[in-house]
Amino acid sequence: MNFKRGDVVLADLGHTAKVRPAIVVSIPMADSQRNMAVLAPMTTEIRGGQCEVAFPKPRWLNEPSVINLLGIVGVDNAKILRVLGTFPADRMDAVDAGLARMLGL
């Protein structure tokens, strides 16, 4: 499957019955020894924390959601089921800033 950084994908994040939308935050083939990507999940559990990134609700989401940067996870590319769309560029800038702050970069 072809996907790139900033794509919104539907992925099995390894939680019981939790196939969910997430944003790809890693570059393609970040590690030549592993066929994996790093994703940040979308959640409807909006708490207003500093590690959440809000975005306009797309048509395909039933409820308002945020990107949960604390939930970043590495997943095998085979667990990425399909691409749903592209995350808005200005909100991707907010994801980058949030990750940099959270990771102390």
N, C-alpha and C. Protein backbone atom coordinates (compact mmCIF):
# COMPACT_ATOMS: atom_id res chain seq x y z
N MET A 1 0.84 -1.18 0.00
CA MET A 1 0.00 0.00 0.00
C MET A 1 0.89 1.24 0.00
N ASN A 2 0.48 2.23 -0.73
CA ASN A 2 1.21 3.49 -0.78
C ASN A 2 0.58 4.51 0.15
N PHE A 3 1.37 5.02 1.06
CA PHE A 3 0.95 6.11 1.93
C PHE A 3 2.19 6.91 2.27
N LYS A 4 1.95 8.14 2.74
CA LYS A 4 3.08 9.02 3.05
C LYS A 4 2.78 9.81 4.31
N ARG A 5 3.80 10.49 4.79
CA ARG A 5 3.66 11.33 5.98
C ARG A 5 2.54 12.35 5.73
N GLY A 6 1.66 12.48 6.70
CA GLY A 6 0.53 13.41 6.56
C GLY A 6 -0.74 12.75 6.05
N ASP A 7 -0.66 11.49 5.61
CA ASP A 7 -1.87 10.79 5.19
C ASP A 7 -2.66 10.34 6.41
N VAL A 8 -3.97 10.37 6.29
CA VAL A 8 -4.85 9.79 7.30
C VAL A 8 -5.16 8.38 6.83
N VAL A 9 -4.90 7.41 7.69
CA VAL A 9 -5.08 6.01 7.33
C VAL A 9 -6.00 5.32 8.32
N LEU A 10 -6.59 4.21 7.90
CA LEU A 10 -7.33 3.34 8.79
C LEU A 10 -6.38 2.20 9.13
N ALA A 11 -6.12 1.98 10.43
CA ALA A 11 -5.10 1.03 10.84
C ALA A 11 -5.53 0.23 12.06
N ASP A 12 -5.01 -0.98 12.13
CA ASP A 12 -5.15 -1.82 13.32
C ASP A 12 -4.01 -1.46 14.25
N LEU A 13 -4.34 -0.77 15.33
CA LEU A 13 -3.31 -0.29 16.25
C LEU A 13 -2.97 -1.29 17.35
N GLY A 14 -3.50 -2.50 17.22
CA GLY A 14 -3.15 -3.56 18.16
C GLY A 14 -4.00 -3.62 19.41
N HIS A 15 -4.98 -2.75 19.53
CA HIS A 15 -5.89 -2.79 20.67
C HIS A 15 -7.08 -3.67 20.28
N THR A 16 -7.66 -4.34 21.23
CA THR A 16 -8.80 -5.21 20.95
C THR A 16 -9.91 -4.42 20.27
N ALA A 17 -10.30 -4.90 19.10
CA ALA A 17 -11.38 -4.30 18.32
C ALA A 17 -11.17 -2.81 18.08
N LYS A 18 -9.92 -2.39 17.86
CA LYS A 18 -9.63 -0.97 17.68
C LYS A 18 -8.95 -0.70 16.34
N VAL A 19 -9.69 -0.86 15.27
CA VAL A 19 -9.24 -0.37 13.98
C VAL A 19 -9.74 1.07 13.93
N ARG A 20 -8.83 2.00 13.75
CA ARG A 20 -9.22 3.39 13.84
C ARG A 20 -8.42 4.26 12.89
N PRO A 21 -8.91 5.48 12.63
CA PRO A 21 -8.14 6.41 11.82
C PRO A 21 -6.95 6.95 12.61
N ALA A 22 -5.87 7.18 11.89
CA ALA A 22 -4.65 7.73 12.48
C ALA A 22 -3.92 8.50 11.40
N ILE A 23 -3.01 9.34 11.81
CA ILE A 23 -2.21 10.11 10.86
C ILE A 23 -0.79 9.55 10.85
N VAL A 24 -0.23 9.43 9.65
CA VAL A 24 1.14 8.96 9.50
C VAL A 24 2.07 10.12 9.84
N VAL A 25 2.94 9.93 10.86
CA VAL A 25 3.86 10.98 11.27
C VAL A 25 5.31 10.66 10.91
N SER A 26 5.57 9.45 10.42
CA SER A 26 6.94 9.09 10.03
C SER A 26 7.11 9.27 8.52
N ILE A 27 8.37 9.32 8.11
CA ILE A 27 8.68 9.39 6.69
C ILE A 27 8.57 7.98 6.11
N PRO A 28 8.41 7.85 4.79
CA PRO A 28 8.37 6.51 4.20
C PRO A 28 9.68 5.77 4.45
N MET A 29 9.58 4.49 4.77
CA MET A 29 10.73 3.62 5.00
C MET A 29 11.74 4.27 5.95
N ALA A 30 11.25 4.70 7.11
CA ALA A 30 12.11 5.36 8.10
C ALA A 30 13.24 4.45 8.57
N ASP A 31 13.04 3.15 8.55
CA ASP A 31 14.05 2.17 8.96
C ASP A 31 14.11 1.08 7.90
N SER A 32 15.25 0.94 7.26
CA SER A 32 15.37 -0.03 6.16
C SER A 32 15.26 -1.47 6.64
N GLN A 33 15.38 -1.71 7.93
CA GLN A 33 15.30 -3.07 8.47
C GLN A 33 13.90 -3.46 8.93
N ARG A 34 12.99 -2.50 8.97
CA ARG A 34 11.63 -2.77 9.44
C ARG A 34 10.62 -2.13 8.50
N ASN A 35 9.58 -2.87 8.19
CA ASN A 35 8.51 -2.39 7.33
C ASN A 35 7.41 -1.80 8.22
N MET A 36 7.73 -0.65 8.83
CA MET A 36 6.82 -0.06 9.82
C MET A 36 6.66 1.44 9.58
N ALA A 37 5.58 1.96 10.15
CA ALA A 37 5.32 3.40 10.14
C ALA A 37 4.96 3.83 11.55
N VAL A 38 5.13 5.11 11.85
CA VAL A 38 4.72 5.66 13.14
C VAL A 38 3.44 6.46 12.90
N LEU A 39 2.41 6.14 13.70
CA LEU A 39 1.10 6.76 13.55
C LEU A 39 0.71 7.46 14.85
N ALA A 40 -0.10 8.50 14.71
CA ALA A 40 -0.74 9.16 15.85
C ALA A 40 -2.24 8.98 15.67
N PRO A 41 -2.90 8.34 16.64
CA PRO A 41 -4.32 8.01 16.47
C PRO A 41 -5.24 9.21 16.65
N MET A 42 -6.38 9.10 16.00
CA MET A 42 -7.47 10.06 16.22
C MET A 42 -8.35 9.49 17.33
N THR A 43 -8.88 10.37 18.16
CA THR A 43 -9.76 9.94 19.24
C THR A 43 -10.90 10.93 19.42
N THR A 44 -12.04 10.41 19.87
CA THR A 44 -13.18 11.27 20.20
C THR A 44 -13.13 11.69 21.66
N GLU A 45 -12.17 11.15 22.43
CA GLU A 45 -12.02 11.52 23.84
C GLU A 45 -11.23 12.83 23.93
N ILE A 46 -11.91 13.92 23.75
CA ILE A 46 -11.29 15.25 23.72
C ILE A 46 -11.19 15.77 25.15
N ARG A 47 -9.95 15.99 25.60
CA ARG A 47 -9.72 16.43 26.97
C ARG A 47 -9.11 17.84 27.05
N GLY A 48 -8.74 18.40 25.90
CA GLY A 48 -8.18 19.74 25.89
C GLY A 48 -6.73 19.81 26.34
N GLY A 49 -6.01 18.71 26.26
CA GLY A 49 -4.61 18.68 26.69
C GLY A 49 -3.66 19.26 25.66
N GLN A 50 -2.43 19.51 26.10
CA GLN A 50 -1.40 20.09 25.23
C GLN A 50 -0.93 19.10 24.15
N CYS A 51 -1.22 17.83 24.32
CA CYS A 51 -0.78 16.81 23.35
C CYS A 51 -1.91 16.38 22.43
N GLU A 52 -2.93 17.24 22.30
CA GLU A 52 -4.01 17.01 21.36
C GLU A 52 -3.94 18.06 20.26
N VAL A 53 -4.23 17.64 19.05
CA VAL A 53 -4.27 18.57 17.92
C VAL A 53 -5.67 18.50 17.33
N ALA A 54 -6.37 19.61 17.39
CA ALA A 54 -7.72 19.70 16.83
C ALA A 54 -7.64 19.88 15.32
N PHE A 55 -8.72 19.50 14.64
CA PHE A 55 -8.80 19.66 13.18
C PHE A 55 -10.27 19.70 12.78
N PRO A 56 -10.56 20.27 11.61
CA PRO A 56 -11.95 20.31 11.14
C PRO A 56 -12.46 18.89 10.90
N LYS A 57 -13.69 18.59 11.33
CA LYS A 57 -14.26 17.25 11.19
C LYS A 57 -14.53 16.93 9.72
N PRO A 58 -13.86 15.88 9.20
CA PRO A 58 -14.16 15.47 7.82
C PRO A 58 -15.50 14.75 7.74
N ARG A 59 -16.04 14.63 6.54
CA ARG A 59 -17.34 13.98 6.33
C ARG A 59 -17.37 12.55 6.85
N TRP A 60 -16.25 11.84 6.74
CA TRP A 60 -16.24 10.41 7.06
C TRP A 60 -16.11 10.13 8.55
N LEU A 61 -15.94 11.15 9.39
CA LEU A 61 -15.94 10.94 10.84
C LEU A 61 -17.32 11.25 11.39
N ASN A 62 -17.80 10.40 12.29
CA ASN A 62 -19.13 10.61 12.88
C ASN A 62 -19.13 11.69 13.95
N GLU A 63 -18.02 11.84 14.66
CA GLU A 63 -17.96 12.78 15.78
C GLU A 63 -16.70 13.64 15.67
N PRO A 64 -16.71 14.82 16.30
CA PRO A 64 -15.48 15.61 16.36
C PRO A 64 -14.39 14.78 17.05
N SER A 65 -13.17 14.94 16.58
CA SER A 65 -12.04 14.17 17.10
C SER A 65 -10.81 15.05 17.17
N VAL A 66 -9.77 14.55 17.82
CA VAL A 66 -8.46 15.20 17.87
C VAL A 66 -7.40 14.15 17.59
N ILE A 67 -6.21 14.62 17.23
CA ILE A 67 -5.05 13.74 17.14
C ILE A 67 -4.47 13.65 18.55
N ASN A 68 -4.26 12.43 19.04
CA ASN A 68 -3.69 12.20 20.36
C ASN A 68 -2.21 11.89 20.21
N LEU A 69 -1.37 12.91 20.38
CA LEU A 69 0.08 12.74 20.19
C LEU A 69 0.68 11.79 21.23
N LEU A 70 0.08 11.68 22.40
CA LEU A 70 0.58 10.76 23.42
C LEU A 70 0.36 9.30 23.02
N GLY A 71 -0.49 9.08 22.02
CA GLY A 71 -0.79 7.72 21.57
C GLY A 71 0.06 7.25 20.41
N ILE A 72 1.14 7.97 20.07
CA ILE A 72 1.94 7.56 18.91
C ILE A 72 2.40 6.12 19.08
N VAL A 73 2.39 5.41 17.96
CA VAL A 73 2.69 3.99 17.98
C VAL A 73 3.33 3.57 16.66
N GLY A 74 4.27 2.66 16.74
CA GLY A 74 4.84 2.05 15.54
C GLY A 74 4.01 0.84 15.16
N VAL A 75 3.62 0.76 13.90
CA VAL A 75 2.83 -0.38 13.43
C VAL A 75 3.44 -0.94 12.15
N ASP A 76 3.27 -2.23 11.99
CA ASP A 76 3.66 -2.89 10.76
C ASP A 76 2.83 -2.32 9.62
N ASN A 77 3.44 -2.02 8.50
CA ASN A 77 2.71 -1.44 7.37
C ASN A 77 1.55 -2.33 6.92
N ALA A 78 1.64 -3.64 7.16
CA ALA A 78 0.56 -4.56 6.77
C ALA A 78 -0.72 -4.29 7.58
N LYS A 79 -0.59 -3.60 8.72
CA LYS A 79 -1.77 -3.30 9.55
C LYS A 79 -2.44 -1.99 9.15
N ILE A 80 -1.87 -1.32 8.15
CA ILE A 80 -2.51 -0.12 7.61
C ILE A 80 -3.42 -0.59 6.49
N LEU A 81 -4.73 -0.44 6.71
CA LEU A 81 -5.72 -1.04 5.82
C LEU A 81 -6.01 -0.21 4.58
N ARG A 82 -6.09 1.11 4.74
CA ARG A 82 -6.34 1.97 3.57
C ARG A 82 -6.10 3.43 3.94
N VAL A 83 -5.90 4.24 2.91
CA VAL A 83 -5.73 5.68 3.07
C VAL A 83 -7.12 6.32 2.99
N LEU A 84 -7.43 7.17 3.97
CA LEU A 84 -8.71 7.86 4.01
C LEU A 84 -8.64 9.25 3.42
N GLY A 85 -7.46 9.85 3.45
CA GLY A 85 -7.32 11.21 2.94
C GLY A 85 -6.00 11.79 3.37
N THR A 86 -5.87 13.11 3.23
CA THR A 86 -4.66 13.82 3.62
C THR A 86 -5.01 14.81 4.72
N PHE A 87 -4.19 14.85 5.77
CA PHE A 87 -4.41 15.76 6.87
C PHE A 87 -4.12 17.18 6.40
N PRO A 88 -4.92 18.18 6.83
CA PRO A 88 -4.68 19.56 6.39
C PRO A 88 -3.26 20.04 6.75
N ALA A 89 -2.60 20.72 5.82
CA ALA A 89 -1.20 21.13 6.00
C ALA A 89 -1.00 22.01 7.24
N ASP A 90 -1.93 22.94 7.50
CA ASP A 90 -1.75 23.80 8.67
C ASP A 90 -1.89 23.01 9.97
N ARG A 91 -2.70 21.98 9.97
CA ARG A 91 -2.85 21.13 11.15
C ARG A 91 -1.66 20.18 11.28
N MET A 92 -1.04 19.81 10.14
CA MET A 92 0.18 18.99 10.20
C MET A 92 1.30 19.79 10.84
N ASP A 93 1.34 21.10 10.58
CA ASP A 93 2.32 21.97 11.25
C ASP A 93 2.10 21.93 12.77
N ALA A 94 0.84 21.89 13.20
CA ALA A 94 0.53 21.82 14.63
C ALA A 94 0.95 20.46 15.20
N VAL A 95 0.80 19.39 14.41
CA VAL A 95 1.26 18.06 14.83
C VAL A 95 2.77 18.10 15.02
N ASP A 96 3.50 18.66 14.04
CA ASP A 96 4.96 18.75 14.14
C ASP A 96 5.39 19.53 15.38
N ALA A 97 4.74 20.67 15.63
CA ALA A 97 5.08 21.49 16.79
C ALA A 97 4.77 20.75 18.08
N GLY A 98 3.65 20.06 18.12
CA GLY A 98 3.28 19.30 19.30
C GLY A 98 4.24 18.16 19.59
N LEU A 99 4.65 17.43 18.53
CA LEU A 99 5.62 16.35 18.71
C LEU A 99 6.96 16.89 19.19
N ALA A 100 7.41 18.01 18.60
CA ALA A 100 8.68 18.60 19.00
C ALA A 100 8.64 19.02 20.47
N ARG A 101 7.54 19.64 20.89
CA ARG A 101 7.41 20.06 22.29
C ARG A 101 7.37 18.85 23.21
N MET A 102 6.56 17.86 22.85
CA MET A 102 6.38 16.70 23.70
C MET A 102 7.67 15.88 23.86
N LEU A 103 8.45 15.80 22.77
CA LEU A 103 9.66 15.01 22.78
C LEU A 103 10.91 15.82 23.14
N GLY A 104 10.73 17.12 23.36
CA GLY A 104 11.84 17.98 23.75
C GLY A 104 12.85 18.19 22.64
N LEU A 105 12.37 18.27 21.40
CA LEU A 105 13.25 18.45 20.24
C LEU A 105 13.45 19.91 19.87
